[in-house]
Amino acid sequence: MLRDDPKTSVEAFADAGAQFVRRMANHAIYEAAKRGGADDSSTREFLCECGHLECRRMVTMPISGFDPVSPPGTVVSHA
């Protein structure tokens, strides 16, 4: 049986953690916009949830484009 490369496993864990943290931040952005009275067509900048630890891209999209119950990895910049 082949063992996973520990570095790869640690990197995958770090990427998954970063994706989860960005999802929580995006949820906070969404909630703050809704509490502030933003309508669904208002746009906000959300963090890319691509899952790469180094990613710093932002995704500008309408509030209605964010689904608070969707899983991490839903908001992704294709740039």
PDB file of N, CA and C in Angstrom:
ATOM      1  N   MET A   1       0.844  -1.166   0.000  1.00  0.00           N
ATOM      2  CA  MET A   1       0.000   0.000   0.000  1.00  0.00           C
ATOM      3  C   MET A   1       0.895   1.237   0.000  1.00  0.00           C
ATOM      4  N   LEU A   2       0.567   2.220  -0.866  1.00  0.00           N
ATOM      5  CA  LEU A   2       1.308   3.469  -0.933  1.00  0.00           C
ATOM      6  C   LEU A   2       0.760   4.450   0.089  1.00  0.00           C
ATOM      7  N   ARG A   3       1.677   5.139   0.751  1.00  0.00           N
ATOM      8  CA  ARG A   3       1.252   6.152   1.719  1.00  0.00           C
ATOM      9  C   ARG A   3       1.186   7.494   1.020  1.00  0.00           C
ATOM     10  N   ASP A   4       0.258   8.327   1.466  1.00  0.00           N
ATOM     11  CA  ASP A   4       0.161   9.675   0.929  1.00  0.00           C
ATOM     12  C   ASP A   4       1.391  10.478   1.336  1.00  0.00           C
ATOM     13  N   ASP A   5       1.834  11.328   0.460  1.00  0.00           N
ATOM     14  CA  ASP A   5       2.927  12.240   0.769  1.00  0.00           C
ATOM     15  C   ASP A   5       2.433  13.188   1.858  1.00  0.00           C
ATOM     16  N   PRO A   6       3.107  13.249   3.022  1.00  0.00           N
ATOM     17  CA  PRO A   6       2.636  14.103   4.122  1.00  0.00           C
ATOM     18  C   PRO A   6       2.513  15.563   3.731  1.00  0.00           C
ATOM     19  N   LYS A   7       3.433  16.041   2.890  1.00  0.00           N
ATOM     20  CA  LYS A   7       3.362  17.431   2.461  1.00  0.00           C
ATOM     21  C   LYS A   7       2.074  17.672   1.674  1.00  0.00           C
ATOM     22  N   THR A   8       1.729  16.755   0.795  1.00  0.00           N
ATOM     23  CA  THR A   8       0.519  16.886   0.009  1.00  0.00           C
ATOM     24  C   THR A   8      -0.707  16.868   0.912  1.00  0.00           C
ATOM     25  N   SER A   9      -0.728  16.003   1.885  1.00  0.00           N
ATOM     26  CA  SER A   9      -1.859  15.923   2.806  1.00  0.00           C
ATOM     27  C   SER A   9      -1.998  17.198   3.625  1.00  0.00           C
ATOM     28  N   VAL A  10      -0.886  17.743   4.089  1.00  0.00           N
ATOM     29  CA  VAL A  10      -0.914  18.981   4.870  1.00  0.00           C
ATOM     30  C   VAL A  10      -1.375  20.138   3.990  1.00  0.00           C
ATOM     31  N   GLU A  11      -0.875  20.199   2.760  1.00  0.00           N
ATOM     32  CA  GLU A  11      -1.292  21.257   1.842  1.00  0.00           C
ATOM     33  C   GLU A  11      -2.779  21.161   1.534  1.00  0.00           C
ATOM     34  N   ALA A  12      -3.274  19.961   1.334  1.00  0.00           N
ATOM     35  CA  ALA A  12      -4.700  19.781   1.055  1.00  0.00           C
ATOM     36  C   ALA A  12      -5.540  20.217   2.251  1.00  0.00           C
ATOM     37  N   PHE A  13      -5.076  19.890   3.443  1.00  0.00           N
ATOM     38  CA  PHE A  13      -5.781  20.296   4.664  1.00  0.00           C
ATOM     39  C   PHE A  13      -5.788  21.817   4.793  1.00  0.00           C
ATOM     40  N   ALA A  14      -4.647  22.462   4.508  1.00  0.00           N
ATOM     41  CA  ALA A  14      -4.547  23.927   4.585  1.00  0.00           C
ATOM     42  C   ALA A  14      -5.460  24.585   3.563  1.00  0.00           C
ATOM     43  N   ASP A  15      -5.493  24.043   2.353  1.00  0.00           N
ATOM     44  CA  ASP A  15      -6.371  24.595   1.315  1.00  0.00           C
ATOM     45  C   ASP A  15      -7.839  24.467   1.714  1.00  0.00           C
ATOM     46  N   ALA A  16      -8.217  23.331   2.258  1.00  0.00           N
ATOM     47  CA  ALA A  16      -9.605  23.125   2.697  1.00  0.00           C
ATOM     48  C   ALA A  16      -9.959  24.083   3.825  1.00  0.00           C
ATOM     49  N   GLY A  17      -9.017  24.307   4.732  1.00  0.00           N
ATOM     50  CA  GLY A  17      -9.250  25.255   5.822  1.00  0.00           C
ATOM     51  C   GLY A  17      -9.420  26.666   5.304  1.00  0.00           C
ATOM     52  N   ALA A  18      -8.585  27.054   4.338  1.00  0.00           N
ATOM     53  CA  ALA A  18      -8.689  28.391   3.748  1.00  0.00           C
ATOM     54  C   ALA A  18     -10.029  28.556   3.046  1.00  0.00           C
ATOM     55  N   GLN A  19     -10.455  27.532   2.353  1.00  0.00           N
ATOM     56  CA  GLN A  19     -11.742  27.574   1.657  1.00  0.00           C
ATOM     57  C   GLN A  19     -12.880  27.752   2.658  1.00  0.00           C
ATOM     58  N   PHE A  20     -12.833  27.043   3.758  1.00  0.00           N
ATOM     59  CA  PHE A  20     -13.867  27.138   4.780  1.00  0.00           C
ATOM     60  C   PHE A  20     -13.892  28.535   5.409  1.00  0.00           C
ATOM     61  N   VAL A  21     -12.709  29.071   5.724  1.00  0.00           N
ATOM     62  CA  VAL A  21     -12.629  30.411   6.335  1.00  0.00           C
ATOM     63  C   VAL A  21     -13.176  31.459   5.374  1.00  0.00           C
ATOM     64  N   ARG A  22     -12.843  31.342   4.093  1.00  0.00           N
ATOM     65  CA  ARG A  22     -13.371  32.298   3.111  1.00  0.00           C
ATOM     66  C   ARG A  22     -14.885  32.181   2.995  1.00  0.00           C
ATOM     67  N   ARG A  23     -15.388  30.971   3.111  1.00  0.00           N
ATOM     68  CA  ARG A  23     -16.844  30.792   3.054  1.00  0.00           C
ATOM     69  C   ARG A  23     -17.505  31.492   4.233  1.00  0.00           C
ATOM     70  N   MET A  24     -16.919  31.362   5.407  1.00  0.00           N
ATOM     71  CA  MET A  24     -17.478  32.032   6.587  1.00  0.00           C
ATOM     72  C   MET A  24     -17.404  33.558   6.432  1.00  0.00           C
ATOM     73  N   ALA A  25     -16.302  34.066   5.866  1.00  0.00           N
ATOM     74  CA  ALA A  25     -16.176  35.506   5.620  1.00  0.00           C
ATOM     75  C   ALA A  25     -17.227  35.966   4.616  1.00  0.00           C
ATOM     76  N   ASN A  26     -17.442  35.190   3.561  1.00  0.00           N
ATOM     77  CA  ASN A  26     -18.463  35.545   2.569  1.00  0.00           C
ATOM     78  C   ASN A  26     -19.850  35.548   3.187  1.00  0.00           C
ATOM     79  N   HIS A  27     -20.097  34.625   4.074  1.00  0.00           N
ATOM     80  CA  HIS A  27     -21.385  34.588   4.760  1.00  0.00           C
ATOM     81  C   HIS A  27     -21.559  35.861   5.596  1.00  0.00           C
ATOM     82  N   ALA A  28     -20.501  36.304   6.251  1.00  0.00           N
ATOM     83  CA  ALA A  28     -20.557  37.537   7.044  1.00  0.00           C
ATOM     84  C   ALA A  28     -20.791  38.752   6.143  1.00  0.00           C
ATOM     85  N   ILE A  29     -20.158  38.788   4.973  1.00  0.00           N
ATOM     86  CA  ILE A  29     -20.374  39.878   4.011  1.00  0.00           C
ATOM     87  C   ILE A  29     -21.839  39.902   3.589  1.00  0.00           C
ATOM     88  N   TYR A  30     -22.390  38.736   3.274  1.00  0.00           N
ATOM     89  CA  TYR A  30     -23.782  38.609   2.873  1.00  0.00           C
ATOM     90  C   TYR A  30     -24.722  39.088   3.983  1.00  0.00           C
ATOM     91  N   GLU A  31     -24.498  38.610   5.188  1.00  0.00           N
ATOM     92  CA  GLU A  31     -25.366  38.977   6.321  1.00  0.00           C
ATOM     93  C   GLU A  31     -25.294  40.478   6.613  1.00  0.00           C
ATOM     94  N   ALA A  32     -24.096  41.058   6.565  1.00  0.00           N
ATOM     95  CA  ALA A  32     -23.942  42.494   6.812  1.00  0.00           C
ATOM     96  C   ALA A  32     -24.667  43.300   5.746  1.00  0.00           C
ATOM     97  N   ALA A  33     -24.593  42.861   4.510  1.00  0.00           N
ATOM     98  CA  ALA A  33     -25.284  43.559   3.423  1.00  0.00           C
ATOM     99  C   ALA A  33     -26.799  43.500   3.625  1.00  0.00           C
ATOM    100  N   LYS A  34     -27.302  42.333   3.983  1.00  0.00           N
ATOM    101  CA  LYS A  34     -28.748  42.174   4.202  1.00  0.00           C
ATOM    102  C   LYS A  34     -29.209  43.012   5.400  1.00  0.00           C
ATOM    103  N   ARG A  35     -28.437  42.985   6.495  1.00  0.00           N
ATOM    104  CA  ARG A  35     -28.795  43.785   7.671  1.00  0.00           C
ATOM    105  C   ARG A  35     -28.742  45.280   7.358  1.00  0.00           C
ATOM    106  N   GLY A  36     -27.838  45.661   6.454  1.00  0.00           N
ATOM    107  CA  GLY A  36     -27.692  47.056   6.071  1.00  0.00           C
ATOM    108  C   GLY A  36     -28.737  47.527   5.074  1.00  0.00           C
ATOM    109  N   GLY A  37     -29.622  46.639   4.676  1.00  0.00           N
ATOM    110  CA  GLY A  37     -30.708  47.016   3.787  1.00  0.00           C
ATOM    111  C   GLY A  37     -30.418  46.872   2.305  1.00  0.00           C
ATOM    112  N   ALA A  38     -29.336  46.204   1.947  1.00  0.00           N
ATOM    113  CA  ALA A  38     -29.014  46.014   0.527  1.00  0.00           C
ATOM    114  C   ALA A  38     -30.072  45.129  -0.122  1.00  0.00           C
ATOM    115  N   ASP A  39     -30.490  45.531  -1.322  1.00  0.00           N
ATOM    116  CA  ASP A  39     -31.437  44.672  -2.034  1.00  0.00           C
ATOM    117  C   ASP A  39     -30.664  43.612  -2.816  1.00  0.00           C
ATOM    118  N   ASP A  40     -31.386  42.646  -3.357  1.00  0.00           N
ATOM    119  CA  ASP A  40     -30.737  41.506  -4.006  1.00  0.00           C
ATOM    120  C   ASP A  40     -29.905  41.882  -5.227  1.00  0.00           C
ATOM    121  N   SER A  41     -30.189  43.033  -5.848  1.00  0.00           N
ATOM    122  CA  SER A  41     -29.413  43.433  -7.029  1.00  0.00           C
ATOM    123  C   SER A  41     -28.149  44.206  -6.663  1.00  0.00           C
ATOM    124  N   SER A  42     -28.016  44.601  -5.398  1.00  0.00           N
ATOM    125  CA  SER A  42     -26.792  45.292  -4.956  1.00  0.00           C
ATOM    126  C   SER A  42     -25.614  44.351  -5.070  1.00  0.00           C
ATOM    127  N   THR A  43     -24.476  44.880  -5.481  1.00  0.00           N
ATOM    128  CA  THR A  43     -23.294  44.032  -5.608  1.00  0.00           C
ATOM    129  C   THR A  43     -22.358  44.240  -4.422  1.00  0.00           C
ATOM    130  N   ARG A  44     -21.604  43.205  -4.139  1.00  0.00           N
ATOM    131  CA  ARG A  44     -20.584  43.228  -3.094  1.00  0.00           C
ATOM    132  C   ARG A  44     -19.387  42.438  -3.604  1.00  0.00           C
ATOM    133  N   GLU A  45     -18.250  42.664  -2.994  1.00  0.00           N
ATOM    134  CA  GLU A  45     -17.062  41.868  -3.299  1.00  0.00           C
ATOM    135  C   GLU A  45     -16.989  40.731  -2.292  1.00  0.00           C
ATOM    136  N   PHE A  46     -16.942  39.515  -2.808  1.00  0.00           N
ATOM    137  CA  PHE A  46     -16.809  38.316  -2.009  1.00  0.00           C
ATOM    138  C   PHE A  46     -15.424  37.725  -2.260  1.00  0.00           C
ATOM    139  N   LEU A  47     -14.936  36.943  -1.323  1.00  0.00           N
ATOM    140  CA  LEU A  47     -13.642  36.287  -1.483  1.00  0.00           C
ATOM    141  C   LEU A  47     -13.795  35.044  -2.347  1.00  0.00           C
ATOM    142  N   CYS A  48     -12.823  34.812  -3.216  1.00  0.00           N
ATOM    143  CA  CYS A  48     -12.830  33.609  -4.033  1.00  0.00           C
ATOM    144  C   CYS A  48     -12.687  32.392  -3.112  1.00  0.00           C
ATOM    145  N   GLU A  49     -13.489  31.373  -3.361  1.00  0.00           N
ATOM    146  CA  GLU A  49     -13.471  30.145  -2.560  1.00  0.00           C
ATOM    147  C   GLU A  49     -12.868  28.976  -3.344  1.00  0.00           C
ATOM    148  N   CYS A  50     -11.899  29.285  -4.213  1.00  0.00           N
ATOM    149  CA  CYS A  50     -11.351  28.235  -5.078  1.00  0.00           C
ATOM    150  C   CYS A  50     -10.634  27.126  -4.310  1.00  0.00           C
ATOM    151  N   GLY A  51     -10.201  27.411  -3.101  1.00  0.00           N
ATOM    152  CA  GLY A  51      -9.535  26.377  -2.318  1.00  0.00           C
ATOM    153  C   GLY A  51      -8.032  26.409  -2.387  1.00  0.00           C
ATOM    154  N   HIS A  52      -7.457  27.403  -3.050  1.00  0.00           N
ATOM    155  CA  HIS A  52      -5.999  27.541  -3.087  1.00  0.00           C
ATOM    156  C   HIS A  52      -5.581  28.534  -2.004  1.00  0.00           C
ATOM    157  N   LEU A  53      -4.738  28.088  -1.112  1.00  0.00           N
ATOM    158  CA  LEU A  53      -4.319  28.895   0.031  1.00  0.00           C
ATOM    159  C   LEU A  53      -3.786  30.256  -0.389  1.00  0.00           C
ATOM    160  N   GLU A  54      -3.079  30.331  -1.501  1.00  0.00           N
ATOM    161  CA  GLU A  54      -2.456  31.573  -1.949  1.00  0.00           C
ATOM    162  C   GLU A  54      -3.416  32.525  -2.645  1.00  0.00           C
ATOM    163  N   CYS A  55      -4.594  32.101  -2.991  1.00  0.00           N
ATOM    164  CA  CYS A  55      -5.532  32.925  -3.769  1.00  0.00           C
ATOM    165  C   CYS A  55      -5.961  34.157  -2.975  1.00  0.00           C
ATOM    166  N   ARG A  56      -5.928  35.308  -3.639  1.00  0.00           N
ATOM    167  CA  ARG A  56      -6.353  36.570  -3.030  1.00  0.00           C
ATOM    168  C   ARG A  56      -7.381  37.283  -3.908  1.00  0.00           C
ATOM    169  N   ARG A  57      -7.969  36.557  -4.854  1.00  0.00           N
ATOM    170  CA  ARG A  57      -8.925  37.165  -5.772  1.00  0.00           C
ATOM    171  C   ARG A  57     -10.245  37.470  -5.089  1.00  0.00           C
ATOM    172  N   MET A  58     -10.905  38.487  -5.616  1.00  0.00           N
ATOM    173  CA  MET A  58     -12.229  38.872  -5.148  1.00  0.00           C
ATOM    174  C   MET A  58     -13.212  38.625  -6.285  1.00  0.00           C
ATOM    175  N   VAL A  59     -14.455  38.362  -5.934  1.00  0.00           N
ATOM    176  CA  VAL A  59     -15.508  38.118  -6.911  1.00  0.00           C
ATOM    177  C   VAL A  59     -16.607  39.144  -6.653  1.00  0.00           C
ATOM    178  N   THR A  60     -16.822  40.052  -7.609  1.00  0.00           N
ATOM    179  CA  THR A  60     -17.901  41.028  -7.491  1.00  0.00           C
ATOM    180  C   THR A  60     -19.160  40.396  -8.057  1.00  0.00           C
ATOM    181  N   MET A  61     -20.196  40.356  -7.245  1.00  0.00           N
ATOM    182  CA  MET A  61     -21.446  39.745  -7.696  1.00  0.00           C
ATOM    183  C   MET A  61     -22.614  40.306  -6.902  1.00  0.00           C
ATOM    184  N   PRO A  62     -23.823  40.166  -7.440  1.00  0.00           N
ATOM    185  CA  PRO A  62     -24.995  40.651  -6.708  1.00  0.00           C
ATOM    186  C   PRO A  62     -25.229  39.819  -5.449  1.00  0.00           C
ATOM    187  N   ILE A  63     -25.838  40.436  -4.473  1.00  0.00           N
ATOM    188  CA  ILE A  63     -26.183  39.743  -3.231  1.00  0.00           C
ATOM    189  C   ILE A  63     -26.982  38.472  -3.541  1.00  0.00           C
ATOM    190  N   SER A  64     -27.863  38.556  -4.525  1.00  0.00           N
ATOM    191  CA  SER A  64     -28.698  37.392  -4.868  1.00  0.00           C
ATOM    192  C   SER A  64     -27.878  36.223  -5.402  1.00  0.00           C
ATOM    193  N   GLY A  65     -26.629  36.464  -5.834  1.00  0.00           N
ATOM    194  CA  GLY A  65     -25.778  35.395  -6.347  1.00  0.00           C
ATOM    195  C   GLY A  65     -25.132  34.555  -5.265  1.00  0.00           C
ATOM    196  N   PHE A  66     -25.238  35.010  -4.015  1.00  0.00           N
ATOM    197  CA  PHE A  66     -24.656  34.256  -2.905  1.00  0.00           C
ATOM    198  C   PHE A  66     -25.743  33.440  -2.229  1.00  0.00           C
ATOM    199  N   ASP A  67     -25.533  32.156  -2.164  1.00  0.00           N
ATOM    200  CA  ASP A  67     -26.480  31.267  -1.494  1.00  0.00           C
ATOM    201  C   ASP A  67     -25.861  30.840  -0.165  1.00  0.00           C
ATOM    202  N   PRO A  68     -26.416  31.358   0.961  1.00  0.00           N
ATOM    203  CA  PRO A  68     -25.809  31.071   2.260  1.00  0.00           C
ATOM    204  C   PRO A  68     -25.763  29.594   2.646  1.00  0.00           C
ATOM    205  N   VAL A  69     -26.566  28.762   2.010  1.00  0.00           N
ATOM    206  CA  VAL A  69     -26.567  27.341   2.374  1.00  0.00           C
ATOM    207  C   VAL A  69     -25.750  26.478   1.414  1.00  0.00           C
ATOM    208  N   SER A  70     -25.153  27.099   0.396  1.00  0.00           N
ATOM    209  CA  SER A  70     -24.330  26.304  -0.518  1.00  0.00           C
ATOM    210  C   SER A  70     -22.993  25.970   0.146  1.00  0.00           C
ATOM    211  N   PRO A  71     -22.352  24.913  -0.311  1.00  0.00           N
ATOM    212  CA  PRO A  71     -21.095  24.481   0.319  1.00  0.00           C
ATOM    213  C   PRO A  71     -19.920  25.383  -0.045  1.00  0.00           C
ATOM    214  N   PRO A  72     -18.842  25.355   0.750  1.00  0.00           N
ATOM    215  CA  PRO A  72     -17.627  26.089   0.391  1.00  0.00           C
ATOM    216  C   PRO A  72     -17.170  25.693  -1.010  1.00  0.00           C
ATOM    217  N   GLY A  73     -16.645  26.650  -1.737  1.00  0.00           N
ATOM    218  CA  GLY A  73     -16.184  26.382  -3.095  1.00  0.00           C
ATOM    219  C   GLY A  73     -17.166  26.851  -4.146  1.00  0.00           C
ATOM    220  N   THR A  74     -18.253  27.471  -3.729  1.00  0.00           N
ATOM    221  CA  THR A  74     -19.282  27.918  -4.654  1.00  0.00           C
ATOM    222  C   THR A  74     -18.923  29.235  -5.329  1.00  0.00           C
ATOM    223  N   VAL A  75     -18.321  30.165  -4.588  1.00  0.00           N
ATOM    224  CA  VAL A  75     -17.938  31.473  -5.119  1.00  0.00           C
ATOM    225  C   VAL A  75     -16.508  31.348  -5.621  1.00  0.00           C
ATOM    226  N   VAL A  76     -16.353  31.337  -6.963  1.00  0.00           N
ATOM    227  CA  VAL A  76     -15.028  31.125  -7.546  1.00  0.00           C
ATOM    228  C   VAL A  76     -14.781  32.120  -8.668  1.00  0.00           C
ATOM    229  N   SER A  77     -13.601  32.737  -8.639  1.00  0.00           N
ATOM    230  CA  SER A  77     -13.184  33.645  -9.701  1.00  0.00           C
ATOM    231  C   SER A  77     -12.617  32.808 -10.833  1.00  0.00           C
ATOM    232  N   HIS A  78     -13.085  33.071 -12.025  1.00  0.00           N
ATOM    233  CA  HIS A  78     -12.575  32.320 -13.182  1.00  0.00           C
ATOM    234  C   HIS A  78     -11.545  33.133 -13.949  1.00  0.00           C
ATOM    235  N   ALA A  79     -11.100  34.245 -13.342  1.00  0.00           N
ATOM    236  CA  ALA A  79     -10.124  35.117 -14.028  1.00  0.00           C
ATOM    237  C   ALA A  79      -8.746  34.514 -14.012  1.00  0.00           C
TER     238      ALA A  79
END
